[in-house]
Amino acid sequence: MQILVNGVEQDLPAGANVLMLLKQLDIAPERIAIEINLTVIDRAAYHDRIFCEGDKVEIISFIGGGEDAN
């Protein structure tokens, strides 16, 4: 099955869930947010959310930093 992840086609086995995709991409789930077909997926649902052919996925990473408030 093919899905689109951040604009790049990815092949996944039928029945793959969000956690399987993250493992395939070597991405830790703790510091990211996942959007599938314009809907943000709750981290607790990563195991239950099964992909469908043609799903559009955006993976957003959180980056620390910024200006010191002092």
PDB file of N, CA and C in Angstrom:
ATOM      1  N   MET A   1       0.844  -1.164   0.000  1.00  0.00           N
ATOM      2  CA  MET A   1       0.000   0.000   0.000  1.00  0.00           C
ATOM      3  C   MET A   1       0.897   1.236   0.000  1.00  0.00           C
ATOM      4  N   GLN A   2       0.452   2.276  -0.661  1.00  0.00           N
ATOM      5  CA  GLN A   2       1.229   3.513  -0.686  1.00  0.00           C
ATOM      6  C   GLN A   2       0.470   4.629   0.022  1.00  0.00           C
ATOM      7  N   ILE A   3       1.229   5.403   0.796  1.00  0.00           N
ATOM      8  CA  ILE A   3       0.716   6.611   1.422  1.00  0.00           C
ATOM      9  C   ILE A   3       1.700   7.734   1.103  1.00  0.00           C
ATOM     10  N   LEU A   4       1.307   8.947   1.350  1.00  0.00           N
ATOM     11  CA  LEU A   4       2.160  10.105   1.122  1.00  0.00           C
ATOM     12  C   LEU A   4       2.554  10.681   2.474  1.00  0.00           C
ATOM     13  N   VAL A   5       3.859  10.714   2.766  1.00  0.00           N
ATOM     14  CA  VAL A   5       4.359  11.214   4.045  1.00  0.00           C
ATOM     15  C   VAL A   5       5.212  12.449   3.790  1.00  0.00           C
ATOM     16  N   ASN A   6       4.751  13.585   4.275  1.00  0.00           N
ATOM     17  CA  ASN A   6       5.442  14.862   4.057  1.00  0.00           C
ATOM     18  C   ASN A   6       5.813  15.033   2.582  1.00  0.00           C
ATOM     19  N   GLY A   7       4.875  14.653   1.701  1.00  0.00           N
ATOM     20  CA  GLY A   7       5.061  14.830   0.271  1.00  0.00           C
ATOM     21  C   GLY A   7       5.844  13.744  -0.430  1.00  0.00           C
ATOM     22  N   VAL A   8       6.262  12.697   0.288  1.00  0.00           N
ATOM     23  CA  VAL A   8       7.063  11.613  -0.295  1.00  0.00           C
ATOM     24  C   VAL A   8       6.283  10.304  -0.180  1.00  0.00           C
ATOM     25  N   GLU A   9       6.198   9.562  -1.290  1.00  0.00           N
ATOM     26  CA  GLU A   9       5.503   8.280  -1.257  1.00  0.00           C
ATOM     27  C   GLU A   9       6.265   7.270  -0.397  1.00  0.00           C
ATOM     28  N   GLN A  10       5.511   6.544   0.418  1.00  0.00           N
ATOM     29  CA  GLN A  10       6.065   5.494   1.270  1.00  0.00           C
ATOM     30  C   GLN A  10       5.255   4.231   1.047  1.00  0.00           C
ATOM     31  N   ASP A  11       5.936   3.094   0.976  1.00  0.00           N
ATOM     32  CA  ASP A  11       5.272   1.802   0.882  1.00  0.00           C
ATOM     33  C   ASP A  11       5.127   1.211   2.277  1.00  0.00           C
ATOM     34  N   LEU A  12       3.921   0.741   2.586  1.00  0.00           N
ATOM     35  CA  LEU A  12       3.648   0.093   3.865  1.00  0.00           C
ATOM     36  C   LEU A  12       2.882  -1.199   3.607  1.00  0.00           C
ATOM     37  N   PRO A  13       3.032  -2.178   4.479  1.00  0.00           N
ATOM     38  CA  PRO A  13       2.215  -3.386   4.336  1.00  0.00           C
ATOM     39  C   PRO A  13       0.763  -3.086   4.699  1.00  0.00           C
ATOM     40  N   ALA A  14      -0.152  -3.843   4.131  1.00  0.00           N
ATOM     41  CA  ALA A  14      -1.563  -3.686   4.490  1.00  0.00           C
ATOM     42  C   ALA A  14      -1.711  -3.882   5.996  1.00  0.00           C
ATOM     43  N   GLY A  15      -2.558  -3.076   6.608  1.00  0.00           N
ATOM     44  CA  GLY A  15      -2.792  -3.184   8.044  1.00  0.00           C
ATOM     45  C   GLY A  15      -1.796  -2.422   8.901  1.00  0.00           C
ATOM     46  N   ALA A  16      -0.895  -1.661   8.274  1.00  0.00           N
ATOM     47  CA  ALA A  16       0.116  -0.909   9.036  1.00  0.00           C
ATOM     48  C   ALA A  16      -0.544   0.228   9.814  1.00  0.00           C
ATOM     49  N   ASN A  17      -0.024   0.451  11.027  1.00  0.00           N
ATOM     50  CA  ASN A  17      -0.526   1.545  11.851  1.00  0.00           C
ATOM     51  C   ASN A  17       0.547   2.644  11.961  1.00  0.00           C
ATOM     52  N   VAL A  18       0.212   3.690  12.691  1.00  0.00           N
ATOM     53  CA  VAL A  18       1.129   4.835  12.830  1.00  0.00           C
ATOM     54  C   VAL A  18       2.451   4.413  13.459  1.00  0.00           C
ATOM     55  N   LEU A  19       2.413   3.583  14.486  1.00  0.00           N
ATOM     56  CA  LEU A  19       3.658   3.159  15.133  1.00  0.00           C
ATOM     57  C   LEU A  19       4.561   2.395  14.168  1.00  0.00           C
ATOM     58  N   MET A  20       3.979   1.595  13.294  1.00  0.00           N
ATOM     59  CA  MET A  20       4.774   0.862  12.298  1.00  0.00           C
ATOM     60  C   MET A  20       5.457   1.827  11.337  1.00  0.00           C
ATOM     61  N   LEU A  21       4.735   2.864  10.915  1.00  0.00           N
ATOM     62  CA  LEU A  21       5.335   3.870  10.032  1.00  0.00           C
ATOM     63  C   LEU A  21       6.501   4.563  10.726  1.00  0.00           C
ATOM     64  N   LEU A  22       6.306   4.964  11.977  1.00  0.00           N
ATOM     65  CA  LEU A  22       7.373   5.655  12.700  1.00  0.00           C
ATOM     66  C   LEU A  22       8.592   4.751  12.864  1.00  0.00           C
ATOM     67  N   LYS A  23       8.374   3.477  13.124  1.00  0.00           N
ATOM     68  CA  LYS A  23       9.498   2.537  13.233  1.00  0.00           C
ATOM     69  C   LYS A  23      10.218   2.415  11.892  1.00  0.00           C
ATOM     70  N   GLN A  24       9.461   2.317  10.799  1.00  0.00           N
ATOM     71  CA  GLN A  24      10.054   2.214   9.468  1.00  0.00           C
ATOM     72  C   GLN A  24      10.902   3.441   9.152  1.00  0.00           C
ATOM     73  N   LEU A  25      10.447   4.613   9.599  1.00  0.00           N
ATOM     74  CA  LEU A  25      11.165   5.864   9.337  1.00  0.00           C
ATOM     75  C   LEU A  25      12.201   6.190  10.409  1.00  0.00           C
ATOM     76  N   ASP A  26      12.301   5.344  11.437  1.00  0.00           N
ATOM     77  CA  ASP A  26      13.229   5.534  12.555  1.00  0.00           C
ATOM     78  C   ASP A  26      12.983   6.869  13.259  1.00  0.00           C
ATOM     79  N   ILE A  27      11.714   7.109  13.580  1.00  0.00           N
ATOM     80  CA  ILE A  27      11.302   8.342  14.255  1.00  0.00           C
ATOM     81  C   ILE A  27      10.703   7.973  15.603  1.00  0.00           C
ATOM     82  N   ALA A  28      11.203   8.590  16.671  1.00  0.00           N
ATOM     83  CA  ALA A  28      10.650   8.378  18.016  1.00  0.00           C
ATOM     84  C   ALA A  28       9.330   9.147  18.130  1.00  0.00           C
ATOM     85  N   PRO A  29       8.285   8.519  18.647  1.00  0.00           N
ATOM     86  CA  PRO A  29       6.980   9.178  18.698  1.00  0.00           C
ATOM     87  C   PRO A  29       6.836  10.264  19.761  1.00  0.00           C
ATOM     88  N   GLU A  30       7.793  10.386  20.657  1.00  0.00           N
ATOM     89  CA  GLU A  30       7.644  11.313  21.782  1.00  0.00           C
ATOM     90  C   GLU A  30       7.687  12.788  21.395  1.00  0.00           C
ATOM     91  N   ARG A  31       8.408  13.146  20.355  1.00  0.00           N
ATOM     92  CA  ARG A  31       8.611  14.573  20.047  1.00  0.00           C
ATOM     93  C   ARG A  31       8.046  14.973  18.694  1.00  0.00           C
ATOM     94  N   ILE A  32       6.963  14.314  18.287  1.00  0.00           N
ATOM     95  CA  ILE A  32       6.359  14.639  17.005  1.00  0.00           C
ATOM     96  C   ILE A  32       4.844  14.710  17.142  1.00  0.00           C
ATOM     97  N   ALA A  33       4.220  15.275  16.142  1.00  0.00           N
ATOM     98  CA  ALA A  33       2.764  15.238  15.999  1.00  0.00           C
ATOM     99  C   ALA A  33       2.482  14.655  14.623  1.00  0.00           C
ATOM    100  N   ILE A  34       1.385  13.915  14.522  1.00  0.00           N
ATOM    101  CA  ILE A  34       1.002  13.267  13.270  1.00  0.00           C
ATOM    102  C   ILE A  34      -0.355  13.810  12.829  1.00  0.00           C
ATOM    103  N   GLU A  35      -0.427  14.176  11.568  1.00  0.00           N
ATOM    104  CA  GLU A  35      -1.682  14.582  10.964  1.00  0.00           C
ATOM    105  C   GLU A  35      -1.950  13.646   9.795  1.00  0.00           C
ATOM    106  N   ILE A  36      -3.131  13.072   9.745  1.00  0.00           N
ATOM    107  CA  ILE A  36      -3.511  12.193   8.642  1.00  0.00           C
ATOM    108  C   ILE A  36      -4.767  12.772   8.006  1.00  0.00           C
ATOM    109  N   ASN A  37      -4.662  13.063   6.716  1.00  0.00           N
ATOM    110  CA  ASN A  37      -5.794  13.628   5.968  1.00  0.00           C
ATOM    111  C   ASN A  37      -6.400  14.829   6.699  1.00  0.00           C
ATOM    112  N   LEU A  38      -5.509  15.719   7.166  1.00  0.00           N
ATOM    113  CA  LEU A  38      -5.861  16.988   7.817  1.00  0.00           C
ATOM    114  C   LEU A  38      -6.440  16.835   9.231  1.00  0.00           C
ATOM    115  N   THR A  39      -6.331  15.646   9.822  1.00  0.00           N
ATOM    116  CA  THR A  39      -6.794  15.426  11.193  1.00  0.00           C
ATOM    117  C   THR A  39      -5.611  15.043  12.068  1.00  0.00           C
ATOM    118  N   VAL A  40      -5.411  15.773  13.170  1.00  0.00           N
ATOM    119  CA  VAL A  40      -4.335  15.460  14.106  1.00  0.00           C
ATOM    120  C   VAL A  40      -4.723  14.198  14.870  1.00  0.00           C
ATOM    121  N   ILE A  41      -3.775  13.269  14.974  1.00  0.00           N
ATOM    122  CA  ILE A  41      -4.016  11.990  15.628  1.00  0.00           C
ATOM    123  C   ILE A  41      -3.469  12.036  17.054  1.00  0.00           C
ATOM    124  N   ASP A  42      -4.298  11.679  18.005  1.00  0.00           N
ATOM    125  CA  ASP A  42      -3.879  11.618  19.407  1.00  0.00           C
ATOM    126  C   ASP A  42      -2.815  10.533  19.559  1.00  0.00           C
ATOM    127  N   ARG A  43      -1.767  10.820  20.303  1.00  0.00           N
ATOM    128  CA  ARG A  43      -0.666   9.871  20.492  1.00  0.00           C
ATOM    129  C   ARG A  43      -1.163   8.525  21.040  1.00  0.00           C
ATOM    130  N   ALA A  44      -2.176   8.549  21.869  1.00  0.00           N
ATOM    131  CA  ALA A  44      -2.722   7.310  22.429  1.00  0.00           C
ATOM    132  C   ALA A  44      -3.377   6.432  21.361  1.00  0.00           C
ATOM    133  N   ALA A  45      -3.685   7.005  20.194  1.00  0.00           N
ATOM    134  CA  ALA A  45      -4.349   6.258  19.123  1.00  0.00           C
ATOM    135  C   ALA A  45      -3.378   5.772  18.051  1.00  0.00           C
ATOM    136  N   TYR A  46      -2.082   6.004  18.226  1.00  0.00           N
ATOM    137  CA  TYR A  46      -1.108   5.608  17.193  1.00  0.00           C
ATOM    138  C   TYR A  46      -1.170   4.111  16.886  1.00  0.00           C
ATOM    139  N   HIS A  47      -1.400   3.294  17.900  1.00  0.00           N
ATOM    140  CA  HIS A  47      -1.454   1.846  17.681  1.00  0.00           C
ATOM    141  C   HIS A  47      -2.726   1.452  16.928  1.00  0.00           C
ATOM    142  N   ASP A  48      -3.809   2.178  17.156  1.00  0.00           N
ATOM    143  CA  ASP A  48      -5.111   1.814  16.598  1.00  0.00           C
ATOM    144  C   ASP A  48      -5.372   2.403  15.212  1.00  0.00           C
ATOM    145  N   ARG A  49      -4.662   3.465  14.852  1.00  0.00           N
ATOM    146  CA  ARG A  49      -4.930   4.124  13.563  1.00  0.00           C
ATOM    147  C   ARG A  49      -4.232   3.366  12.441  1.00  0.00           C
ATOM    148  N   ILE A  50      -5.031   2.648  11.646  1.00  0.00           N
ATOM    149  CA  ILE A  50      -4.538   1.868  10.514  1.00  0.00           C
ATOM    150  C   ILE A  50      -4.615   2.732   9.264  1.00  0.00           C
ATOM    151  N   PHE A  51      -3.565   2.682   8.454  1.00  0.00           N
ATOM    152  CA  PHE A  51      -3.532   3.476   7.232  1.00  0.00           C
ATOM    153  C   PHE A  51      -4.382   2.853   6.138  1.00  0.00           C
ATOM    154  N   CYS A  52      -4.880   3.721   5.263  1.00  0.00           N
ATOM    155  CA  CYS A  52      -5.595   3.317   4.060  1.00  0.00           C
ATOM    156  C   CYS A  52      -4.786   3.781   2.858  1.00  0.00           C
ATOM    157  N   GLU A  53      -4.928   3.074   1.752  1.00  0.00           N
ATOM    158  CA  GLU A  53      -4.258   3.447   0.512  1.00  0.00           C
ATOM    159  C   GLU A  53      -4.500   4.925   0.216  1.00  0.00           C
ATOM    160  N   GLY A  54      -3.405   5.649  -0.052  1.00  0.00           N
ATOM    161  CA  GLY A  54      -3.508   7.054  -0.445  1.00  0.00           C
ATOM    162  C   GLY A  54      -3.611   8.055   0.688  1.00  0.00           C
ATOM    163  N   ASP A  55      -3.560   7.594   1.946  1.00  0.00           N
ATOM    164  CA  ASP A  55      -3.591   8.550   3.065  1.00  0.00           C
ATOM    165  C   ASP A  55      -2.476   9.579   2.901  1.00  0.00           C
ATOM    166  N   LYS A  56      -2.777  10.814   3.308  1.00  0.00           N
ATOM    167  CA  LYS A  56      -1.786  11.893   3.286  1.00  0.00           C
ATOM    168  C   LYS A  56      -1.396  12.199   4.728  1.00  0.00           C
ATOM    169  N   VAL A  57      -0.104  12.001   5.015  1.00  0.00           N
ATOM    170  CA  VAL A  57       0.407  12.098   6.382  1.00  0.00           C
ATOM    171  C   VAL A  57       1.402  13.250   6.471  1.00  0.00           C
ATOM    172  N   GLU A  58       1.287  14.033   7.517  1.00  0.00           N
ATOM    173  CA  GLU A  58       2.286  15.052   7.834  1.00  0.00           C
ATOM    174  C   GLU A  58       2.846  14.714   9.203  1.00  0.00           C
ATOM    175  N   ILE A  59       4.166  14.654   9.291  1.00  0.00           N
ATOM    176  CA  ILE A  59       4.849  14.427  10.562  1.00  0.00           C
ATOM    177  C   ILE A  59       5.551  15.728  10.922  1.00  0.00           C
ATOM    178  N   ILE A  60       5.190  16.269  12.070  1.00  0.00           N
ATOM    179  CA  ILE A  60       5.738  17.545  12.511  1.00  0.00           C
ATOM    180  C   ILE A  60       6.610  17.305  13.730  1.00  0.00           C
ATOM    181  N   SER A  61       7.868  17.758  13.657  1.00  0.00           N
ATOM    182  CA  SER A  61       8.816  17.603  14.771  1.00  0.00           C
ATOM    183  C   SER A  61       8.814  18.856  15.620  1.00  0.00           C
ATOM    184  N   PHE A  62       8.936  18.654  16.926  1.00  0.00           N
ATOM    185  CA  PHE A  62       9.070  19.772  17.851  1.00  0.00           C
ATOM    186  C   PHE A  62      10.542  20.020  18.098  1.00  0.00           C
ATOM    187  N   ILE A  63      10.936  21.276  18.016  1.00  0.00           N
ATOM    188  CA  ILE A  63      12.349  21.645  18.193  1.00  0.00           C
ATOM    189  C   ILE A  63      12.429  22.643  19.339  1.00  0.00           C
ATOM    190  N   GLY A  64      13.313  22.367  20.286  1.00  0.00           N
ATOM    191  CA  GLY A  64      13.521  23.282  21.403  1.00  0.00           C
ATOM    192  C   GLY A  64      14.395  24.454  20.982  1.00  0.00           C
ATOM    193  N   GLY A  65      14.478  25.416  21.832  1.00  0.00           N
ATOM    194  CA  GLY A  65      15.333  26.557  21.537  1.00  0.00           C
ATOM    195  C   GLY A  65      14.557  27.847  21.607  1.00  0.00           C
ATOM    196  N   GLY A  66      15.143  28.850  21.067  1.00  0.00           N
ATOM    197  CA  GLY A  66      14.513  30.155  21.088  1.00  0.00           C
ATOM    198  C   GLY A  66      15.326  31.138  21.904  1.00  0.00           C
ATOM    199  N   GLU A  67      14.797  32.289  22.074  1.00  0.00           N
ATOM    200  CA  GLU A  67      15.489  33.354  22.770  1.00  0.00           C
ATOM    201  C   GLU A  67      15.342  33.184  24.274  1.00  0.00           C
ATOM    202  N   ASP A  68      16.403  33.449  25.008  1.00  0.00           N
ATOM    203  CA  ASP A  68      16.395  33.382  26.460  1.00  0.00           C
ATOM    204  C   ASP A  68      15.487  34.500  26.993  1.00  0.00           C
ATOM    205  N   ALA A  69      14.607  34.150  27.932  1.00  0.00           N
ATOM    206  CA  ALA A  69      13.626  35.105  28.465  1.00  0.00           C
ATOM    207  C   ALA A  69      14.247  36.066  29.473  1.00  0.00           C
ATOM    208  N   ASN A  70      15.476  35.869  29.885  1.00  0.00           N
ATOM    209  CA  ASN A  70      16.089  36.748  30.903  1.00  0.00           C
ATOM    210  C   ASN A  70      16.491  38.042  30.341  1.00  0.00           C
TER     211      ASN A  70
END
